[in-house]
Amino acid sequence: MEKTAVDLLICPHCGGDLRENKGSLICSRGHTANIARQGYVSLLGRDSGTHTADSAEMVAARERFLDGGHFEPLAEALVAASEGAPEGAVVDLGCGTGHYLGKVLEALPDRVGIGVDNSKFAARRAAKIVPRAGVLVADIWDEIPIRDGAAGLMLNVFSPRNGEEMERILAPGGRLVVVTPQAGHLAELIERFGMISVDPEKEERLERSLGPLADGAESRELEWTMNLGRDQVRDLIEMGPSAGRMGGAEMDSALQELAEETAVTAAVTITTTSRIEEVR
């Protein structure tokens, strides 16, 4: 694994420093985590869980869809929001395939990245496409095995938020960029395919989840239109939380009712905030 990233990780069992030794990460108390041959490491704590982790099929669908460039306006917006971020690692909580982390690291060539996801299938892909990052499987609702103040920049794209842990990992003055869907996101598909709709109280839940990090937060809305073929619509549905809500035959029938190309709205909110710098 990337040594600079390893130096920023801590043991999920005792909080001790980790070092790489013969294909494993070990701490001074003898806790050991094997680095998978794909390059990621599982640092799940005793009480961690992965029951909501994305499946291999979901990750494959997401990879195909993102590689098609359909969310490129969002990737560009994340790169822009990352400009001038304070020194420190780029940490992506809920990194998925590593698509956005990779884009941001390309724009910040002097930074190391850390990708965190609770899906081993996502971690495998992220470790492959983002070699300048350490990628770990961890539970965001548990204590995340990253050092205090390690992140100069933190990304959280369509992922759960543990505000207390986010604040701990961010360096003083460190920047957090959160992406959440708006009510109109994928509106053309929601009812037709029985997809999960956006919670109307999502903005209030975002503020609550960020805790003190919500102070001084600034938001901007981003909207664009995607022209998608039937296979791309299928991947878009199957890569997210609505995967599996519709049976295969029903999905095929609904897709056949679409035109050869369907205009689909993407609408997100990008919220940027910082950890308040400590006063000495």
C-alpha atoms as a PDB file:
ATOM      1  CA  MET A   1       0.000   0.000   0.000  1.00  0.00           C
ATOM      2  CA  GLU A   2       0.967   3.645  -0.387  1.00  0.00           C
ATOM      3  CA  LYS A   3       3.300   4.216   2.602  1.00  0.00           C
ATOM      4  CA  THR A   4       2.230   7.810   3.191  1.00  0.00           C
ATOM      5  CA  ALA A   5      -1.365   6.617   3.467  1.00  0.00           C
ATOM      6  CA  VAL A   6      -0.436   3.761   5.825  1.00  0.00           C
ATOM      7  CA  ASP A   7       1.219   6.291   8.137  1.00  0.00           C
ATOM      8  CA  LEU A   8      -2.187   7.987   8.534  1.00  0.00           C
ATOM      9  CA  LEU A   9      -4.068   4.822   9.518  1.00  0.00           C
ATOM     10  CA  ILE A  10      -4.640   3.461  13.002  1.00  0.00           C
ATOM     11  CA  CYS A  11      -5.486   0.034  14.364  1.00  0.00           C
ATOM     12  CA  PRO A  12      -9.274  -0.463  14.552  1.00  0.00           C
ATOM     13  CA  HIS A  13      -8.897  -2.497  17.750  1.00  0.00           C
ATOM     14  CA  CYS A  14      -6.569  -0.405  19.911  1.00  0.00           C
ATOM     15  CA  GLY A  15      -5.975   2.867  18.023  1.00  0.00           C
ATOM     16  CA  GLY A  16      -2.256   2.221  17.769  1.00  0.00           C
ATOM     17  CA  ASP A  17       0.038   3.129  14.869  1.00  0.00           C
ATOM     18  CA  LEU A  18       0.138   0.749  11.928  1.00  0.00           C
ATOM     19  CA  ARG A  19       3.060  -0.267   9.750  1.00  0.00           C
ATOM     20  CA  GLU A  20       3.330  -2.551   6.759  1.00  0.00           C
ATOM     21  CA  ASN A  21       5.163  -5.825   7.169  1.00  0.00           C
ATOM     22  CA  LYS A  22       5.238  -8.628   4.614  1.00  0.00           C
ATOM     23  CA  GLY A  23       1.852  -7.953   3.080  1.00  0.00           C
ATOM     24  CA  SER A  24       0.084  -7.057   6.315  1.00  0.00           C
ATOM     25  CA  LEU A  25      -0.531  -4.034   8.491  1.00  0.00           C
ATOM     26  CA  ILE A  26       0.439  -4.599  12.119  1.00  0.00           C
ATOM     27  CA  CYS A  27       0.368  -2.528  15.300  1.00  0.00           C
ATOM     28  CA  SER A  28       2.594  -2.660  18.388  1.00  0.00           C
ATOM     29  CA  ARG A  29       0.057  -4.816  20.216  1.00  0.00           C
ATOM     30  CA  GLY A  30       0.162  -7.485  17.547  1.00  0.00           C
ATOM     31  CA  HIS A  31      -3.144  -6.809  15.825  1.00  0.00           C
ATOM     32  CA  THR A  32      -2.768  -7.761  12.170  1.00  0.00           C
ATOM     33  CA  ALA A  33      -4.726  -6.976   9.015  1.00  0.00           C
ATOM     34  CA  ASN A  34      -3.774  -8.681   5.774  1.00  0.00           C
ATOM     35  CA  ILE A  35      -3.531  -6.556   2.648  1.00  0.00           C
ATOM     36  CA  ALA A  36      -5.641  -8.180  -0.058  1.00  0.00           C
ATOM     37  CA  ARG A  37      -3.922  -9.065  -3.308  1.00  0.00           C
ATOM     38  CA  GLN A  38      -6.048  -6.366  -4.988  1.00  0.00           C
ATOM     39  CA  GLY A  39      -4.312  -3.752  -2.799  1.00  0.00           C
ATOM     40  CA  TYR A  40      -6.958  -2.812  -0.210  1.00  0.00           C
ATOM     41  CA  VAL A  41      -7.090  -3.691   3.483  1.00  0.00           C
ATOM     42  CA  SER A  42     -10.013  -4.490   5.766  1.00  0.00           C
ATOM     43  CA  LEU A  43      -9.842  -2.487   9.002  1.00  0.00           C
ATOM     44  CA  LEU A  44     -13.200  -3.399  10.463  1.00  0.00           C
ATOM     45  CA  GLY A  45     -13.482  -3.046  14.222  1.00  0.00           C
ATOM     46  CA  ARG A  46     -15.048  -5.543  16.592  1.00  0.00           C
ATOM     47  CA  ASP A  47     -18.473  -3.889  16.357  1.00  0.00           C
ATOM     48  CA  SER A  48     -18.266  -2.915  12.696  1.00  0.00           C
ATOM     49  CA  GLY A  49     -20.838  -4.048  10.167  1.00  0.00           C
ATOM     50  CA  THR A  50     -21.057  -4.359   6.381  1.00  0.00           C
ATOM     51  CA  HIS A  51     -24.653  -5.527   5.996  1.00  0.00           C
ATOM     52  CA  THR A  52     -25.527  -2.495   3.851  1.00  0.00           C
ATOM     53  CA  ALA A  53     -22.441  -2.813   1.637  1.00  0.00           C
ATOM     54  CA  ASP A  54     -22.778  -2.580  -2.132  1.00  0.00           C
ATOM     55  CA  SER A  55     -22.734  -5.893  -3.987  1.00  0.00           C
ATOM     56  CA  ALA A  56     -20.373  -6.849  -6.791  1.00  0.00           C
ATOM     57  CA  GLU A  57     -23.191  -6.272  -9.287  1.00  0.00           C
ATOM     58  CA  MET A  58     -23.883  -2.765  -7.962  1.00  0.00           C
ATOM     59  CA  VAL A  59     -20.198  -1.848  -8.135  1.00  0.00           C
ATOM     60  CA  ALA A  60     -19.895  -3.178 -11.696  1.00  0.00           C
ATOM     61  CA  ALA A  61     -22.945  -1.159 -12.780  1.00  0.00           C
ATOM     62  CA  ARG A  62     -21.527   1.979 -11.150  1.00  0.00           C
ATOM     63  CA  GLU A  63     -18.170   1.482 -12.838  1.00  0.00           C
ATOM     64  CA  ARG A  64     -19.760   1.173 -16.266  1.00  0.00           C
ATOM     65  CA  PHE A  65     -21.982   4.200 -15.734  1.00  0.00           C
ATOM     66  CA  LEU A  66     -19.327   6.524 -14.326  1.00  0.00           C
ATOM     67  CA  ASP A  67     -16.788   5.471 -16.944  1.00  0.00           C
ATOM     68  CA  GLY A  68     -19.347   6.601 -19.530  1.00  0.00           C
ATOM     69  CA  GLY A  69     -18.872  10.190 -18.345  1.00  0.00           C
ATOM     70  CA  HIS A  70     -22.505  10.790 -17.419  1.00  0.00           C
ATOM     71  CA  PHE A  71     -21.606  12.307 -14.034  1.00  0.00           C
ATOM     72  CA  GLU A  72     -18.626  14.248 -15.365  1.00  0.00           C
ATOM     73  CA  PRO A  73     -20.169  17.646 -14.448  1.00  0.00           C
ATOM     74  CA  LEU A  74     -20.181  16.481 -10.832  1.00  0.00           C
ATOM     75  CA  ALA A  75     -16.566  15.294 -11.025  1.00  0.00           C
ATOM     76  CA  GLU A  76     -15.552  18.672 -12.438  1.00  0.00           C
ATOM     77  CA  ALA A  77     -17.436  20.456  -9.664  1.00  0.00           C
ATOM     78  CA  LEU A  78     -15.659  18.384  -7.014  1.00  0.00           C
ATOM     79  CA  VAL A  79     -12.289  19.230  -8.518  1.00  0.00           C
ATOM     80  CA  ALA A  80     -13.210  22.923  -8.473  1.00  0.00           C
ATOM     81  CA  ALA A  81     -14.391  22.691  -4.858  1.00  0.00           C
ATOM     82  CA  SER A  82     -11.071  21.089  -3.917  1.00  0.00           C
ATOM     83  CA  GLU A  83      -8.904  23.922  -5.214  1.00  0.00           C
ATOM     84  CA  GLY A  84      -6.868  25.592  -2.486  1.00  0.00           C
ATOM     85  CA  ALA A  85      -7.739  22.991   0.151  1.00  0.00           C
ATOM     86  CA  PRO A  86      -5.403  23.004   3.182  1.00  0.00           C
ATOM     87  CA  GLU A  87      -2.456  20.621   3.363  1.00  0.00           C
ATOM     88  CA  GLY A  88      -3.226  17.056   4.318  1.00  0.00           C
ATOM     89  CA  ALA A  89      -4.594  13.863   2.852  1.00  0.00           C
ATOM     90  CA  VAL A  90      -7.652  13.664   0.611  1.00  0.00           C
ATOM     91  CA  VAL A  91     -10.070  11.323   2.397  1.00  0.00           C
ATOM     92  CA  ASP A  92     -13.131  10.009   0.562  1.00  0.00           C
ATOM     93  CA  LEU A  93     -15.709   8.540   2.951  1.00  0.00           C
ATOM     94  CA  GLY A  94     -17.894   6.217   0.901  1.00  0.00           C
ATOM     95  CA  CYS A  95     -15.441   6.198  -2.000  1.00  0.00           C
ATOM     96  CA  GLY A  96     -17.204   3.517  -4.057  1.00  0.00           C
ATOM     97  CA  THR A  97     -15.158   2.704  -7.136  1.00  0.00           C
ATOM     98  CA  GLY A  98     -12.736   5.565  -6.398  1.00  0.00           C
ATOM     99  CA  HIS A  99     -13.947   7.542  -9.412  1.00  0.00           C
ATOM    100  CA  TYR A 100     -14.212  10.933  -7.687  1.00  0.00           C
ATOM    101  CA  LEU A 101     -11.189  10.414  -5.447  1.00  0.00           C
ATOM    102  CA  GLY A 102      -9.104   9.669  -8.510  1.00  0.00           C
ATOM    103  CA  LYS A 103     -10.306  12.801 -10.312  1.00  0.00           C
ATOM    104  CA  VAL A 104      -9.487  15.027  -7.321  1.00  0.00           C
ATOM    105  CA  LEU A 105      -6.059  13.462  -6.806  1.00  0.00           C
ATOM    106  CA  GLU A 106      -5.239  14.073 -10.467  1.00  0.00           C
ATOM    107  CA  ALA A 107      -5.829  17.774  -9.804  1.00  0.00           C
ATOM    108  CA  LEU A 108      -3.825  17.651  -6.537  1.00  0.00           C
ATOM    109  CA  PRO A 109      -0.681  15.738  -7.558  1.00  0.00           C
ATOM    110  CA  ASP A 110       1.151  16.432  -4.287  1.00  0.00           C
ATOM    111  CA  ARG A 111      -1.515  14.800  -2.089  1.00  0.00           C
ATOM    112  CA  VAL A 112      -2.032  11.258  -0.901  1.00  0.00           C
ATOM    113  CA  GLY A 113      -5.526   9.796  -0.804  1.00  0.00           C
ATOM    114  CA  ILE A 114      -7.428   7.503   1.531  1.00  0.00           C
ATOM    115  CA  GLY A 115     -10.581   5.828   0.285  1.00  0.00           C
ATOM    116  CA  VAL A 116     -13.030   4.300   2.754  1.00  0.00           C
ATOM    117  CA  ASP A 117     -15.963   2.059   1.878  1.00  0.00           C
ATOM    118  CA  ASN A 118     -17.815  -0.756   3.602  1.00  0.00           C
ATOM    119  CA  SER A 119     -17.921  -2.838   0.407  1.00  0.00           C
ATOM    120  CA  LYS A 120     -14.955  -5.054  -0.383  1.00  0.00           C
ATOM    121  CA  PHE A 121     -16.060  -5.064  -4.018  1.00  0.00           C
ATOM    122  CA  ALA A 122     -15.874  -1.274  -4.167  1.00  0.00           C
ATOM    123  CA  ALA A 123     -12.533  -1.290  -2.347  1.00  0.00           C
ATOM    124  CA  ARG A 124     -11.071  -3.716  -4.859  1.00  0.00           C
ATOM    125  CA  ARG A 125     -11.942  -1.420  -7.732  1.00  0.00           C
ATOM    126  CA  ALA A 126     -10.828   1.752  -5.965  1.00  0.00           C
ATOM    127  CA  ALA A 127      -7.448   0.264  -5.082  1.00  0.00           C
ATOM    128  CA  LYS A 128      -6.927  -0.616  -8.732  1.00  0.00           C
ATOM    129  CA  ILE A 129      -7.789   2.736 -10.272  1.00  0.00           C
ATOM    130  CA  VAL A 130      -6.360   5.040  -7.574  1.00  0.00           C
ATOM    131  CA  PRO A 131      -2.810   3.798  -6.915  1.00  0.00           C
ATOM    132  CA  ARG A 132      -1.880   6.990  -5.029  1.00  0.00           C
ATOM    133  CA  ALA A 133      -4.333   6.151  -2.276  1.00  0.00           C
ATOM    134  CA  GLY A 134      -4.673   3.692   0.547  1.00  0.00           C
ATOM    135  CA  VAL A 135      -8.065   2.004   0.296  1.00  0.00           C
ATOM    136  CA  LEU A 136      -9.734   0.378   3.274  1.00  0.00           C
ATOM    137  CA  VAL A 137     -12.916  -1.433   4.120  1.00  0.00           C
ATOM    138  CA  ALA A 138     -14.327   0.152   7.263  1.00  0.00           C
ATOM    139  CA  ASP A 139     -17.669   0.993   8.849  1.00  0.00           C
ATOM    140  CA  ILE A 140     -18.386   4.733   8.755  1.00  0.00           C
ATOM    141  CA  TRP A 141     -20.687   4.354  11.782  1.00  0.00           C
ATOM    142  CA  ASP A 142     -17.857   2.919  13.869  1.00  0.00           C
ATOM    143  CA  GLU A 143     -14.603   4.658  14.774  1.00  0.00           C
ATOM    144  CA  ILE A 144     -12.962   5.172  11.389  1.00  0.00           C
ATOM    145  CA  PRO A 145      -9.320   3.929  11.516  1.00  0.00           C
ATOM    146  CA  ILE A 146      -7.717   7.191  10.376  1.00  0.00           C
ATOM    147  CA  ARG A 147      -5.586   9.495  12.549  1.00  0.00           C
ATOM    148  CA  ASP A 148      -6.988  12.657  14.126  1.00  0.00           C
ATOM    149  CA  GLY A 149      -6.532  15.665  11.832  1.00  0.00           C
ATOM    150  CA  ALA A 150      -5.201  13.613   8.903  1.00  0.00           C
ATOM    151  CA  ALA A 151      -7.443  15.119   6.209  1.00  0.00           C
ATOM    152  CA  GLY A 152      -6.903  18.495   4.625  1.00  0.00           C
ATOM    153  CA  LEU A 153      -9.793  17.657   2.305  1.00  0.00           C
ATOM    154  CA  MET A 154     -12.672  15.243   2.790  1.00  0.00           C
ATOM    155  CA  LEU A 155     -15.179  14.076   0.173  1.00  0.00           C
ATOM    156  CA  ASN A 156     -18.576  12.555   0.891  1.00  0.00           C
ATOM    157  CA  VAL A 157     -20.539  11.828  -2.280  1.00  0.00           C
ATOM    158  CA  PHE A 158     -24.013  10.252  -1.988  1.00  0.00           C
ATOM    159  CA  SER A 159     -22.852   8.518   1.187  1.00  0.00           C
ATOM    160  CA  PRO A 160     -23.821   8.346   4.875  1.00  0.00           C
ATOM    161  CA  ARG A 161     -22.265  10.911   7.213  1.00  0.00           C
ATOM    162  CA  ASN A 162     -20.841  10.456  10.686  1.00  0.00           C
ATOM    163  CA  GLY A 163     -20.299  14.091  11.661  1.00  0.00           C
ATOM    164  CA  GLU A 164     -18.377  13.341  14.848  1.00  0.00           C
ATOM    165  CA  GLU A 165     -15.825  11.173  13.063  1.00  0.00           C
ATOM    166  CA  MET A 166     -15.612  13.582  10.130  1.00  0.00           C
ATOM    167  CA  GLU A 167     -14.728  16.429  12.458  1.00  0.00           C
ATOM    168  CA  ARG A 168     -12.104  14.306  14.238  1.00  0.00           C
ATOM    169  CA  ILE A 169     -10.371  13.275  11.018  1.00  0.00           C
ATOM    170  CA  LEU A 170     -10.392  16.746   9.460  1.00  0.00           C
ATOM    171  CA  ALA A 171      -7.386  18.914  10.230  1.00  0.00           C
ATOM    172  CA  PRO A 172      -8.126  22.341  11.765  1.00  0.00           C
ATOM    173  CA  GLY A 173      -9.208  24.437   8.790  1.00  0.00           C
ATOM    174  CA  GLY A 174      -9.678  21.264   6.724  1.00  0.00           C
ATOM    175  CA  ARG A 175     -12.370  21.325   4.049  1.00  0.00           C
ATOM    176  CA  LEU A 176     -15.361  19.007   3.706  1.00  0.00           C
ATOM    177  CA  VAL A 177     -17.289  18.649   0.435  1.00  0.00           C
ATOM    178  CA  VAL A 178     -20.619  16.808   0.627  1.00  0.00           C
ATOM    179  CA  VAL A 179     -22.825  15.875  -2.340  1.00  0.00           C
ATOM    180  CA  THR A 180     -26.513  15.089  -1.827  1.00  0.00           C
ATOM    181  CA  PRO A 181     -29.328  14.568  -4.370  1.00  0.00           C
ATOM    182  CA  GLN A 182     -32.051  17.148  -4.871  1.00  0.00           C
ATOM    183  CA  ALA A 183     -35.742  16.309  -5.131  1.00  0.00           C
ATOM    184  CA  GLY A 184     -35.565  16.427  -8.943  1.00  0.00           C
ATOM    185  CA  HIS A 185     -32.620  14.021  -9.194  1.00  0.00           C
ATOM    186  CA  LEU A 186     -33.477  11.252 -11.707  1.00  0.00           C
ATOM    187  CA  ALA A 187     -37.085  12.440 -11.642  1.00  0.00           C
ATOM    188  CA  GLU A 188     -37.906  10.864 -15.020  1.00  0.00           C
ATOM    189  CA  LEU A 189     -37.113   7.387 -13.659  1.00  0.00           C
ATOM    190  CA  ILE A 190     -38.298   7.418 -10.044  1.00  0.00           C
ATOM    191  CA  GLU A 191     -41.953   6.447 -10.502  1.00  0.00           C
ATOM    192  CA  ARG A 192     -41.530   4.349 -13.639  1.00  0.00           C
ATOM    193  CA  PHE A 193     -38.928   2.095 -12.011  1.00  0.00           C
ATOM    194  CA  GLY A 194     -40.103   2.220  -8.396  1.00  0.00           C
ATOM    195  CA  MET A 195     -36.908   3.917  -7.239  1.00  0.00           C
ATOM    196  CA  ILE A 196     -36.334   5.357  -3.788  1.00  0.00           C
ATOM    197  CA  SER A 197     -37.223   9.051  -3.866  1.00  0.00           C
ATOM    198  CA  VAL A 198     -35.279  11.806  -2.141  1.00  0.00           C
ATOM    199  CA  ASP A 199     -36.289  12.482   1.455  1.00  0.00           C
ATOM    200  CA  PRO A 200     -38.005  15.919   1.515  1.00  0.00           C
ATOM    201  CA  GLU A 201     -36.224  16.609   4.824  1.00  0.00           C
ATOM    202  CA  LYS A 202     -32.816  15.766   3.404  1.00  0.00           C
ATOM    203  CA  GLU A 203     -31.470  19.280   3.923  1.00  0.00           C
ATOM    204  CA  GLU A 204     -32.400  19.229   7.608  1.00  0.00           C
ATOM    205  CA  ARG A 205     -30.942  15.747   7.998  1.00  0.00           C
ATOM    206  CA  LEU A 206     -27.707  16.901   6.373  1.00  0.00           C
ATOM    207  CA  GLU A 207     -27.360  19.723   8.893  1.00  0.00           C
ATOM    208  CA  ARG A 208     -28.049  17.398  11.800  1.00  0.00           C
ATOM    209  CA  SER A 209     -25.593  14.778  10.545  1.00  0.00           C
ATOM    210  CA  LEU A 210     -22.759  17.288  10.214  1.00  0.00           C
ATOM    211  CA  GLY A 211     -23.113  18.634  13.740  1.00  0.00           C
ATOM    212  CA  PRO A 212     -20.664  21.514  14.394  1.00  0.00           C
ATOM    213  CA  LEU A 213     -19.350  21.174  10.825  1.00  0.00           C
ATOM    214  CA  ALA A 214     -22.672  22.600   9.609  1.00  0.00           C
ATOM    215  CA  ASP A 215     -21.679  26.017  10.961  1.00  0.00           C
ATOM    216  CA  GLY A 216     -20.622  28.251   8.091  1.00  0.00           C
ATOM    217  CA  ALA A 217     -21.537  25.679   5.434  1.00  0.00           C
ATOM    218  CA  GLU A 218     -22.179  26.986   1.928  1.00  0.00           C
ATOM    219  CA  SER A 219     -24.222  25.169  -0.713  1.00  0.00           C
ATOM    220  CA  ARG A 220     -24.658  25.393  -4.458  1.00  0.00           C
ATOM    221  CA  GLU A 221     -26.985  23.520  -6.768  1.00  0.00           C
ATOM    222  CA  LEU A 222     -25.806  21.710  -9.876  1.00  0.00           C
ATOM    223  CA  GLU A 223     -28.121  20.336 -12.559  1.00  0.00           C
ATOM    224  CA  TRP A 224     -27.501  18.781 -15.967  1.00  0.00           C
ATOM    225  CA  THR A 225     -29.270  16.502 -18.438  1.00  0.00           C
ATOM    226  CA  MET A 226     -28.043  13.017 -19.339  1.00  0.00           C
ATOM    227  CA  ASN A 227     -29.131  11.346 -22.582  1.00  0.00           C
ATOM    228  CA  LEU A 228     -29.141   7.657 -21.742  1.00  0.00           C
ATOM    229  CA  GLY A 229     -29.718   4.470 -23.674  1.00  0.00           C
ATOM    230  CA  ARG A 230     -31.618   1.576 -22.092  1.00  0.00           C
ATOM    231  CA  ASP A 231     -28.498  -0.217 -20.838  1.00  0.00           C
ATOM    232  CA  GLN A 232     -27.264   2.991 -19.243  1.00  0.00           C
ATOM    233  CA  VAL A 233     -30.615   3.523 -17.523  1.00  0.00           C
ATOM    234  CA  ARG A 234     -30.379  -0.022 -16.173  1.00  0.00           C
ATOM    235  CA  ASP A 235     -26.900   0.624 -14.792  1.00  0.00           C
ATOM    236  CA  LEU A 236     -28.012   3.914 -13.236  1.00  0.00           C
ATOM    237  CA  ILE A 237     -30.817   2.147 -11.369  1.00  0.00           C
ATOM    238  CA  GLU A 238     -28.795  -0.907 -10.395  1.00  0.00           C
ATOM    239  CA  MET A 239     -25.761   1.027  -9.096  1.00  0.00           C
ATOM    240  CA  GLY A 240     -27.566   2.697  -6.210  1.00  0.00           C
ATOM    241  CA  PRO A 241     -29.966   2.097  -3.328  1.00  0.00           C
ATOM    242  CA  SER A 242     -32.841   1.208  -5.661  1.00  0.00           C
ATOM    243  CA  ALA A 243     -30.998  -1.871  -6.950  1.00  0.00           C
ATOM    244  CA  GLY A 244     -33.104  -5.011  -6.699  1.00  0.00           C
ATOM    245  CA  ARG A 245     -36.413  -3.271  -5.999  1.00  0.00           C
ATOM    246  CA  MET A 246     -37.730  -4.391  -9.387  1.00  0.00           C
ATOM    247  CA  GLY A 247     -37.508  -7.968 -10.649  1.00  0.00           C
ATOM    248  CA  GLY A 248     -35.542  -8.801 -13.771  1.00  0.00           C
ATOM    249  CA  ALA A 249     -38.510  -9.436 -16.058  1.00  0.00           C
ATOM    250  CA  GLU A 250     -40.332  -6.336 -14.829  1.00  0.00           C
ATOM    251  CA  MET A 251     -37.177  -4.274 -15.318  1.00  0.00           C
ATOM    252  CA  ASP A 252     -36.731  -5.560 -18.873  1.00  0.00           C
ATOM    253  CA  SER A 253     -40.339  -4.720 -19.692  1.00  0.00           C
ATOM    254  CA  ALA A 254     -40.077  -1.200 -18.256  1.00  0.00           C
ATOM    255  CA  LEU A 255     -36.854  -0.571 -20.147  1.00  0.00           C
ATOM    256  CA  GLN A 256     -38.396  -1.663 -23.438  1.00  0.00           C
ATOM    257  CA  GLU A 257     -41.105   0.966 -22.976  1.00  0.00           C
ATOM    258  CA  LEU A 258     -38.429   3.680 -23.081  1.00  0.00           C
ATOM    259  CA  ALA A 259     -37.313   5.379 -26.256  1.00  0.00           C
ATOM    260  CA  GLU A 260     -33.899   4.492 -27.668  1.00  0.00           C
ATOM    261  CA  GLU A 261     -32.572   7.466 -25.713  1.00  0.00           C
ATOM    262  CA  THR A 262     -34.069   9.041 -22.596  1.00  0.00           C
ATOM    263  CA  ALA A 263     -33.298  12.488 -21.190  1.00  0.00           C
ATOM    264  CA  VAL A 264     -32.702  12.128 -17.448  1.00  0.00           C
ATOM    265  CA  THR A 265     -32.157  15.012 -15.037  1.00  0.00           C
ATOM    266  CA  ALA A 266     -29.252  14.944 -12.597  1.00  0.00           C
ATOM    267  CA  ALA A 267     -29.700  17.463  -9.781  1.00  0.00           C
ATOM    268  CA  VAL A 268     -27.442  17.630  -6.742  1.00  0.00           C
ATOM    269  CA  THR A 269     -26.458  19.978  -3.954  1.00  0.00           C
ATOM    270  CA  ILE A 270     -22.770  20.498  -3.225  1.00  0.00           C
ATOM    271  CA  THR A 271     -22.164  21.651   0.330  1.00  0.00           C
ATOM    272  CA  THR A 272     -18.752  22.903   1.406  1.00  0.00           C
ATOM    273  CA  THR A 273     -17.672  23.602   4.955  1.00  0.00           C
ATOM    274  CA  SER A 274     -14.535  23.605   7.088  1.00  0.00           C
ATOM    275  CA  ARG A 275     -13.481  22.541  10.522  1.00  0.00           C
ATOM    276  CA  ILE A 276     -12.995  25.646  12.649  1.00  0.00           C
ATOM    277  CA  GLU A 277      -9.321  26.287  13.291  1.00  0.00           C
ATOM    278  CA  GLU A 278      -8.230  25.972  16.877  1.00  0.00           C
ATOM    279  CA  VAL A 279      -7.526  29.227  18.681  1.00  0.00           C
ATOM    280  CA  ARG A 280      -4.225  29.277  20.536  1.00  0.00           C
END
